[in-house]
């Protein structure tokens, strides 16, 4: 399964309320995904899922998303929205 398909699968799982499956799908995706737009998006979604359950590593995941994004030269509008969400979650 491609990275984009795995990401969409995780979003659908989260939308259905199956957060455990969404987290597992995202972690599997992140295991093989190099630094790039998809990795940042997956980290932000995973971080948000972890925040909803007050998981202690949520901040680390969101911080990693921001760090990876700094290495990307061409940040599009969609990614900018994701990064804003990550910053918002980190500020709480």
C-alpha atoms as a PDB file:
ATOM      1  CA  UNK A   1       0.000   0.000   0.000  1.00  0.00           C
ATOM      2  CA  UNK A   2       1.347   3.405  -0.905  1.00  0.00           C
ATOM      3  CA  UNK A   3       2.036   5.962   1.790  1.00  0.00           C
ATOM      4  CA  UNK A   4      -0.796   8.216   0.662  1.00  0.00           C
ATOM      5  CA  UNK A   5      -3.274   5.317   0.743  1.00  0.00           C
ATOM      6  CA  UNK A   6      -2.109   4.322   4.224  1.00  0.00           C
ATOM      7  CA  UNK A   7      -2.554   7.916   5.357  1.00  0.00           C
ATOM      8  CA  UNK A   8      -6.094   8.050   3.966  1.00  0.00           C
ATOM      9  CA  UNK A   9      -6.861   4.695   5.590  1.00  0.00           C
ATOM     10  CA  UNK A  10      -5.739   6.088   8.962  1.00  0.00           C
ATOM     11  CA  UNK A  11      -7.958   9.152   8.493  1.00  0.00           C
ATOM     12  CA  UNK A  12     -10.952   6.931   7.730  1.00  0.00           C
ATOM     13  CA  UNK A  13     -10.219   4.774  10.767  1.00  0.00           C
ATOM     14  CA  UNK A  14     -10.027   7.859  12.967  1.00  0.00           C
ATOM     15  CA  UNK A  15     -13.263   9.226  11.498  1.00  0.00           C
ATOM     16  CA  UNK A  16     -14.979   5.920  12.361  1.00  0.00           C
ATOM     17  CA  UNK A  17     -13.720   6.226  15.932  1.00  0.00           C
ATOM     18  CA  UNK A  18     -11.202   3.399  15.657  1.00  0.00           C
ATOM     19  CA  UNK A  19      -8.325   5.429  17.054  1.00  0.00           C
ATOM     20  CA  UNK A  20      -6.252   2.367  17.963  1.00  0.00           C
ATOM     21  CA  UNK A  21      -6.291   1.182  14.346  1.00  0.00           C
ATOM     22  CA  UNK A  22      -5.597   4.710  13.070  1.00  0.00           C
ATOM     23  CA  UNK A  23      -2.628   5.009  15.416  1.00  0.00           C
ATOM     24  CA  UNK A  24      -1.272   1.622  14.294  1.00  0.00           C
ATOM     25  CA  UNK A  25      -1.681   2.542  10.628  1.00  0.00           C
ATOM     26  CA  UNK A  26       0.075   5.868  11.127  1.00  0.00           C
ATOM     27  CA  UNK A  27       2.927   4.286  13.074  1.00  0.00           C
ATOM     28  CA  UNK A  28       3.363   1.705  10.317  1.00  0.00           C
ATOM     29  CA  UNK A  29       3.414   4.455   7.722  1.00  0.00           C
ATOM     30  CA  UNK A  30       5.948   6.488   9.692  1.00  0.00           C
ATOM     31  CA  UNK A  31       8.276   3.499  10.066  1.00  0.00           C
ATOM     32  CA  UNK A  32       9.044   3.568   6.358  1.00  0.00           C
ATOM     33  CA  UNK A  33       8.290   7.139   5.348  1.00  0.00           C
ATOM     34  CA  UNK A  34      11.243   9.471   4.716  1.00  0.00           C
ATOM     35  CA  UNK A  35      11.189  13.135   5.650  1.00  0.00           C
ATOM     36  CA  UNK A  36       8.691  14.935   3.473  1.00  0.00           C
ATOM     37  CA  UNK A  37       5.181  16.296   3.261  1.00  0.00           C
ATOM     38  CA  UNK A  38       3.449  12.989   3.932  1.00  0.00           C
ATOM     39  CA  UNK A  39       5.591  12.324   6.995  1.00  0.00           C
ATOM     40  CA  UNK A  40       4.732  15.724   8.449  1.00  0.00           C
ATOM     41  CA  UNK A  41       1.008  15.237   7.805  1.00  0.00           C
ATOM     42  CA  UNK A  42       1.091  11.783   9.383  1.00  0.00           C
ATOM     43  CA  UNK A  43       2.993  13.066  12.424  1.00  0.00           C
ATOM     44  CA  UNK A  44       0.490  15.873  12.976  1.00  0.00           C
ATOM     45  CA  UNK A  45      -2.491  13.520  12.737  1.00  0.00           C
ATOM     46  CA  UNK A  46      -0.799  11.005  15.046  1.00  0.00           C
ATOM     47  CA  UNK A  47       0.087  13.785  17.475  1.00  0.00           C
ATOM     48  CA  UNK A  48      -3.487  15.008  17.490  1.00  0.00           C
ATOM     49  CA  UNK A  49      -4.794  11.481  18.147  1.00  0.00           C
ATOM     50  CA  UNK A  50      -2.335  11.081  21.005  1.00  0.00           C
ATOM     51  CA  UNK A  51      -3.341  14.473  22.439  1.00  0.00           C
ATOM     52  CA  UNK A  52      -6.981  13.426  22.593  1.00  0.00           C
ATOM     53  CA  UNK A  53      -5.914  10.576  24.877  1.00  0.00           C
ATOM     54  CA  UNK A  54      -3.394  12.642  26.874  1.00  0.00           C
ATOM     55  CA  UNK A  55      -0.610  10.325  25.744  1.00  0.00           C
ATOM     56  CA  UNK A  56       2.764  11.478  27.098  1.00  0.00           C
ATOM     57  CA  UNK A  57       4.577  11.309  23.733  1.00  0.00           C
ATOM     58  CA  UNK A  58       2.078  13.525  21.902  1.00  0.00           C
ATOM     59  CA  UNK A  59       4.274  16.592  22.367  1.00  0.00           C
ATOM     60  CA  UNK A  60       7.326  14.742  21.025  1.00  0.00           C
ATOM     61  CA  UNK A  61       5.423  13.658  17.914  1.00  0.00           C
ATOM     62  CA  UNK A  62       4.149  17.181  17.224  1.00  0.00           C
ATOM     63  CA  UNK A  63       7.604  18.656  17.845  1.00  0.00           C
ATOM     64  CA  UNK A  64       9.068  16.178  15.355  1.00  0.00           C
ATOM     65  CA  UNK A  65       6.443  17.238  12.793  1.00  0.00           C
ATOM     66  CA  UNK A  66       7.509  20.870  13.128  1.00  0.00           C
ATOM     67  CA  UNK A  67      11.200  19.941  12.928  1.00  0.00           C
ATOM     68  CA  UNK A  68      10.712  17.880   9.763  1.00  0.00           C
ATOM     69  CA  UNK A  69       8.635  20.687   8.228  1.00  0.00           C
ATOM     70  CA  UNK A  70      11.500  23.130   8.734  1.00  0.00           C
ATOM     71  CA  UNK A  71      13.606  20.970   6.396  1.00  0.00           C
ATOM     72  CA  UNK A  72      11.006  21.158   3.615  1.00  0.00           C
ATOM     73  CA  UNK A  73      11.482  24.056   1.240  1.00  0.00           C
ATOM     74  CA  UNK A  74       8.076  24.105  -0.433  1.00  0.00           C
ATOM     75  CA  UNK A  75       5.315  24.180   2.203  1.00  0.00           C
ATOM     76  CA  UNK A  76       1.873  24.220   0.610  1.00  0.00           C
ATOM     77  CA  UNK A  77      -1.349  25.608   2.081  1.00  0.00           C
ATOM     78  CA  UNK A  78      -2.555  22.212   3.294  1.00  0.00           C
ATOM     79  CA  UNK A  79       0.663  21.583   5.155  1.00  0.00           C
ATOM     80  CA  UNK A  80       0.575  25.093   6.575  1.00  0.00           C
ATOM     81  CA  UNK A  81      -2.846  24.310   8.089  1.00  0.00           C
ATOM     82  CA  UNK A  82      -1.481  21.071   9.579  1.00  0.00           C
ATOM     83  CA  UNK A  83       1.496  22.914  11.067  1.00  0.00           C
ATOM     84  CA  UNK A  84      -0.771  25.569  12.549  1.00  0.00           C
ATOM     85  CA  UNK A  85      -2.755  22.790  14.201  1.00  0.00           C
ATOM     86  CA  UNK A  86       0.458  21.262  15.588  1.00  0.00           C
ATOM     87  CA  UNK A  87       1.519  24.621  17.036  1.00  0.00           C
ATOM     88  CA  UNK A  88      -1.939  25.108  18.531  1.00  0.00           C
ATOM     89  CA  UNK A  89      -1.839  21.693  20.214  1.00  0.00           C
ATOM     90  CA  UNK A  90       1.657  22.340  21.557  1.00  0.00           C
ATOM     91  CA  UNK A  91       0.582  25.651  23.050  1.00  0.00           C
ATOM     92  CA  UNK A  92      -2.080  24.024  25.227  1.00  0.00           C
END
